[in-house]
Amino acid sequence: MGNLLYIVAVILVIAWLVGFIGYSAGGIIHILLVIAVIAVLLQVIQGRRAV
């Protein structure tokens, strides 16, 4: 499950970079970036609790 969150986060960050550089998709790309950051933070927090 942890690997899946990292994969989703990487995909969202790449989508944000493409949108930031090449397209003007408004706030949707930035919302995706925030979701990616939250997913990574949740994974880090959950990983620390499990150890």
PDB file of N, CA and C in Angstrom:
ATOM      1  N   MET A   1       0.829  -1.198   0.000  1.00  0.00           N
ATOM      2  CA  MET A   1       0.000   0.000   0.000  1.00  0.00           C
ATOM      3  C   MET A   1       0.870   1.258   0.000  1.00  0.00           C
ATOM      4  N   GLY A   2       1.993   1.197   0.708  1.00  0.00           N
ATOM      5  CA  GLY A   2       2.893   2.342   0.759  1.00  0.00           C
ATOM      6  C   GLY A   2       3.473   2.666  -0.601  1.00  0.00           C
ATOM      7  N   ASN A   3       3.864   1.631  -1.346  1.00  0.00           N
ATOM      8  CA  ASN A   3       4.409   1.856  -2.683  1.00  0.00           C
ATOM      9  C   ASN A   3       3.365   2.483  -3.592  1.00  0.00           C
ATOM     10  N   LEU A   4       2.124   2.103  -3.430  1.00  0.00           N
ATOM     11  CA  LEU A   4       1.055   2.660  -4.249  1.00  0.00           C
ATOM     12  C   LEU A   4       0.910   4.159  -3.989  1.00  0.00           C
ATOM     13  N   LEU A   5       0.996   4.580  -2.735  1.00  0.00           N
ATOM     14  CA  LEU A   5       0.894   6.002  -2.420  1.00  0.00           C
ATOM     15  C   LEU A   5       2.047   6.780  -3.038  1.00  0.00           C
ATOM     16  N   TYR A   6       3.243   6.214  -2.986  1.00  0.00           N
ATOM     17  CA  TYR A   6       4.386   6.897  -3.595  1.00  0.00           C
ATOM     18  C   TYR A   6       4.224   6.999  -5.107  1.00  0.00           C
ATOM     19  N   ILE A   7       3.709   5.947  -5.737  1.00  0.00           N
ATOM     20  CA  ILE A   7       3.494   5.974  -7.187  1.00  0.00           C
ATOM     21  C   ILE A   7       2.464   7.038  -7.546  1.00  0.00           C
ATOM     22  N   VAL A   8       1.375   7.095  -6.792  1.00  0.00           N
ATOM     23  CA  VAL A   8       0.340   8.111  -7.040  1.00  0.00           C
ATOM     24  C   VAL A   8       0.917   9.502  -6.830  1.00  0.00           C
ATOM     25  N   ALA A   9       1.713   9.679  -5.776  1.00  0.00           N
ATOM     26  CA  ALA A   9       2.313  10.985  -5.507  1.00  0.00           C
ATOM     27  C   ALA A   9       3.234  11.406  -6.641  1.00  0.00           C
ATOM     28  N   VAL A  10       4.050  10.493  -7.142  1.00  0.00           N
ATOM     29  CA  VAL A  10       4.964  10.821  -8.238  1.00  0.00           C
ATOM     30  C   VAL A  10       4.178  11.183  -9.496  1.00  0.00           C
ATOM     31  N   ILE A  11       3.137  10.431  -9.784  1.00  0.00           N
ATOM     32  CA  ILE A  11       2.317  10.729 -10.965  1.00  0.00           C
ATOM     33  C   ILE A  11       1.671  12.105 -10.840  1.00  0.00           C
ATOM     34  N   LEU A  12       1.185  12.434  -9.663  1.00  0.00           N
ATOM     35  CA  LEU A  12       0.549  13.737  -9.464  1.00  0.00           C
ATOM     36  C   LEU A  12       1.556  14.869  -9.574  1.00  0.00           C
ATOM     37  N   VAL A  13       2.766  14.664  -9.041  1.00  0.00           N
ATOM     38  CA  VAL A  13       3.792  15.700  -9.150  1.00  0.00           C
ATOM     39  C   VAL A  13       4.195  15.898 -10.610  1.00  0.00           C
ATOM     40  N   ILE A  14       4.337  14.814 -11.354  1.00  0.00           N
ATOM     41  CA  ILE A  14       4.666  14.927 -12.781  1.00  0.00           C
ATOM     42  C   ILE A  14       3.545  15.654 -13.525  1.00  0.00           C
ATOM     43  N   ALA A  15       2.304  15.319 -13.209  1.00  0.00           N
ATOM     44  CA  ALA A  15       1.175  15.997 -13.846  1.00  0.00           C
ATOM     45  C   ALA A  15       1.182  17.487 -13.515  1.00  0.00           C
ATOM     46  N   TRP A  16       1.553  17.818 -12.265  1.00  0.00           N
ATOM     47  CA  TRP A  16       1.630  19.219 -11.872  1.00  0.00           C
ATOM     48  C   TRP A  16       2.718  19.939 -12.656  1.00  0.00           C
ATOM     49  N   LEU A  17       3.884  19.297 -12.787  1.00  0.00           N
ATOM     50  CA  LEU A  17       4.983  19.919 -13.528  1.00  0.00           C
ATOM     51  C   LEU A  17       4.605  20.144 -14.989  1.00  0.00           C
ATOM     52  N   VAL A  18       3.954  19.152 -15.605  1.00  0.00           N
ATOM     53  CA  VAL A  18       3.519  19.300 -16.996  1.00  0.00           C
ATOM     54  C   VAL A  18       2.521  20.446 -17.101  1.00  0.00           C
ATOM     55  N   GLY A  19       1.585  20.508 -16.185  1.00  0.00           N
ATOM     56  CA  GLY A  19       0.603  21.586 -16.200  1.00  0.00           C
ATOM     57  C   GLY A  19       1.220  22.940 -15.924  1.00  0.00           C
ATOM     58  N   PHE A  20       2.213  22.967 -15.028  1.00  0.00           N
ATOM     59  CA  PHE A  20       2.858  24.232 -14.668  1.00  0.00           C
ATOM     60  C   PHE A  20       3.693  24.758 -15.820  1.00  0.00           C
ATOM     61  N   ILE A  21       4.366  23.859 -16.537  1.00  0.00           N
ATOM     62  CA  ILE A  21       5.270  24.269 -17.608  1.00  0.00           C
ATOM     63  C   ILE A  21       4.520  24.447 -18.936  1.00  0.00           C
ATOM     64  N   GLY A  22       3.675  23.489 -19.284  1.00  0.00           N
ATOM     65  CA  GLY A  22       3.139  23.469 -20.635  1.00  0.00           C
ATOM     66  C   GLY A  22       1.710  23.953 -20.787  1.00  0.00           C
ATOM     67  N   TYR A  23       0.907  23.827 -19.796  1.00  0.00           N
ATOM     68  CA  TYR A  23      -0.509  24.131 -19.948  1.00  0.00           C
ATOM     69  C   TYR A  23      -0.960  25.071 -18.830  1.00  0.00           C
ATOM     70  N   SER A  24      -2.098  25.689 -19.035  1.00  0.00           N
ATOM     71  CA  SER A  24      -2.674  26.496 -17.966  1.00  0.00           C
ATOM     72  C   SER A  24      -4.015  25.870 -17.593  1.00  0.00           C
ATOM     73  N   ALA A  25      -3.961  24.922 -16.682  1.00  0.00           N
ATOM     74  CA  ALA A  25      -5.160  24.184 -16.287  1.00  0.00           C
ATOM     75  C   ALA A  25      -5.804  24.779 -15.043  1.00  0.00           C
ATOM     76  N   GLY A  26      -5.390  25.958 -14.666  1.00  0.00           N
ATOM     77  CA  GLY A  26      -5.985  26.605 -13.512  1.00  0.00           C
ATOM     78  C   GLY A  26      -5.523  25.989 -12.215  1.00  0.00           C
ATOM     79  N   GLY A  27      -6.404  25.982 -11.222  1.00  0.00           N
ATOM     80  CA  GLY A  27      -6.043  25.507  -9.897  1.00  0.00           C
ATOM     81  C   GLY A  27      -6.089  23.999  -9.742  1.00  0.00           C
ATOM     82  N   ILE A  28      -6.578  23.282 -10.743  1.00  0.00           N
ATOM     83  CA  ILE A  28      -6.726  21.833 -10.613  1.00  0.00           C
ATOM     84  C   ILE A  28      -5.375  21.162 -10.429  1.00  0.00           C
ATOM     85  N   ILE A  29      -4.366  21.576 -11.184  1.00  0.00           N
ATOM     86  CA  ILE A  29      -3.046  20.974 -11.093  1.00  0.00           C
ATOM     87  C   ILE A  29      -2.455  21.222  -9.712  1.00  0.00           C
ATOM     88  N   HIS A  30      -2.661  22.398  -9.180  1.00  0.00           N
ATOM     89  CA  HIS A  30      -2.118  22.716  -7.864  1.00  0.00           C
ATOM     90  C   HIS A  30      -2.834  21.928  -6.767  1.00  0.00           C
ATOM     91  N   ILE A  31      -4.118  21.687  -6.949  1.00  0.00           N
ATOM     92  CA  ILE A  31      -4.851  20.843  -6.001  1.00  0.00           C
ATOM     93  C   ILE A  31      -4.299  19.430  -6.036  1.00  0.00           C
ATOM     94  N   LEU A  32      -3.975  18.926  -7.233  1.00  0.00           N
ATOM     95  CA  LEU A  32      -3.373  17.597  -7.342  1.00  0.00           C
ATOM     96  C   LEU A  32      -2.026  17.544  -6.639  1.00  0.00           C
ATOM     97  N   LEU A  33      -1.246  18.604  -6.743  1.00  0.00           N
ATOM     98  CA  LEU A  33       0.039  18.649  -6.049  1.00  0.00           C
ATOM     99  C   LEU A  33      -0.164  18.597  -4.541  1.00  0.00           C
ATOM    100  N   VAL A  34      -1.122  19.327  -4.032  1.00  0.00           N
ATOM    101  CA  VAL A  34      -1.402  19.317  -2.596  1.00  0.00           C
ATOM    102  C   VAL A  34      -1.827  17.925  -2.153  1.00  0.00           C
ATOM    103  N   ILE A  35      -2.642  17.247  -2.950  1.00  0.00           N
ATOM    104  CA  ILE A  35      -3.066  15.886  -2.624  1.00  0.00           C
ATOM    105  C   ILE A  35      -1.864  14.954  -2.597  1.00  0.00           C
ATOM    106  N   ALA A  36      -0.944  15.129  -3.546  1.00  0.00           N
ATOM    107  CA  ALA A  36       0.257  14.290  -3.578  1.00  0.00           C
ATOM    108  C   ALA A  36       1.105  14.504  -2.330  1.00  0.00           C
ATOM    109  N   VAL A  37       1.278  15.746  -1.926  1.00  0.00           N
ATOM    110  CA  VAL A  37       2.065  16.045  -0.728  1.00  0.00           C
ATOM    111  C   VAL A  37       1.394  15.461   0.506  1.00  0.00           C
ATOM    112  N   ILE A  38       0.086  15.576   0.600  1.00  0.00           N
ATOM    113  CA  ILE A  38      -0.644  15.013   1.741  1.00  0.00           C
ATOM    114  C   ILE A  38      -0.502  13.504   1.772  1.00  0.00           C
ATOM    115  N   ALA A  39      -0.565  12.858   0.607  1.00  0.00           N
ATOM    116  CA  ALA A  39      -0.417  11.403   0.553  1.00  0.00           C
ATOM    117  C   ALA A  39       0.959  10.972   1.047  1.00  0.00           C
ATOM    118  N   VAL A  40       1.995  11.695   0.645  1.00  0.00           N
ATOM    119  CA  VAL A  40       3.347  11.359   1.106  1.00  0.00           C
ATOM    120  C   VAL A  40       3.473  11.587   2.604  1.00  0.00           C
ATOM    121  N   LEU A  41       2.942  12.695   3.098  1.00  0.00           N
ATOM    122  CA  LEU A  41       3.017  12.969   4.529  1.00  0.00           C
ATOM    123  C   LEU A  41       2.276  11.913   5.345  1.00  0.00           C
ATOM    124  N   LEU A  42       1.118  11.501   4.873  1.00  0.00           N
ATOM    125  CA  LEU A  42       0.381  10.455   5.576  1.00  0.00           C
ATOM    126  C   LEU A  42       1.171   9.152   5.609  1.00  0.00           C
ATOM    127  N   GLN A  43       1.832   8.834   4.501  1.00  0.00           N
ATOM    128  CA  GLN A  43       2.632   7.620   4.458  1.00  0.00           C
ATOM    129  C   GLN A  43       3.801   7.694   5.441  1.00  0.00           C
ATOM    130  N   VAL A  44       4.448   8.842   5.519  1.00  0.00           N
ATOM    131  CA  VAL A  44       5.569   9.017   6.451  1.00  0.00           C
ATOM    132  C   VAL A  44       5.070   8.904   7.896  1.00  0.00           C
ATOM    133  N   ILE A  45       3.956   9.528   8.184  1.00  0.00           N
ATOM    134  CA  ILE A  45       3.405   9.486   9.542  1.00  0.00           C
ATOM    135  C   ILE A  45       3.009   8.057   9.892  1.00  0.00           C
ATOM    136  N   GLN A  46       2.348   7.366   9.005  1.00  0.00           N
ATOM    137  CA  GLN A  46       1.927   5.995   9.264  1.00  0.00           C
ATOM    138  C   GLN A  46       3.129   5.075   9.377  1.00  0.00           C
ATOM    139  N   GLY A  47       4.166   5.325   8.604  1.00  0.00           N
ATOM    140  CA  GLY A  47       5.372   4.513   8.672  1.00  0.00           C
ATOM    141  C   GLY A  47       6.070   4.673  10.003  1.00  0.00           C
ATOM    142  N   ARG A  48       6.089   5.856  10.543  1.00  0.00           N
ATOM    143  CA  ARG A  48       6.722   6.095  11.847  1.00  0.00           C
ATOM    144  C   ARG A  48       5.928   5.457  12.968  1.00  0.00           C
ATOM    145  N   ARG A  49       4.629   5.429  12.855  1.00  0.00           N
ATOM    146  CA  ARG A  49       3.818   4.776  13.884  1.00  0.00           C
ATOM    147  C   ARG A  49       4.019   3.269  13.882  1.00  0.00           C
ATOM    148  N   ALA A  50       4.215   2.710  12.689  1.00  0.00           N
ATOM    149  CA  ALA A  50       4.346   1.260  12.576  1.00  0.00           C
ATOM    150  C   ALA A  50       5.686   0.768  13.109  1.00  0.00           C
ATOM    151  N   VAL A  51       6.702   1.620  13.133  1.00  0.00           N
ATOM    152  CA  VAL A  51       8.039   1.190  13.565  1.00  0.00           C
ATOM    153  C   VAL A  51       8.164   1.121  15.039  1.00  0.00           C
TER     154      VAL A  51
END
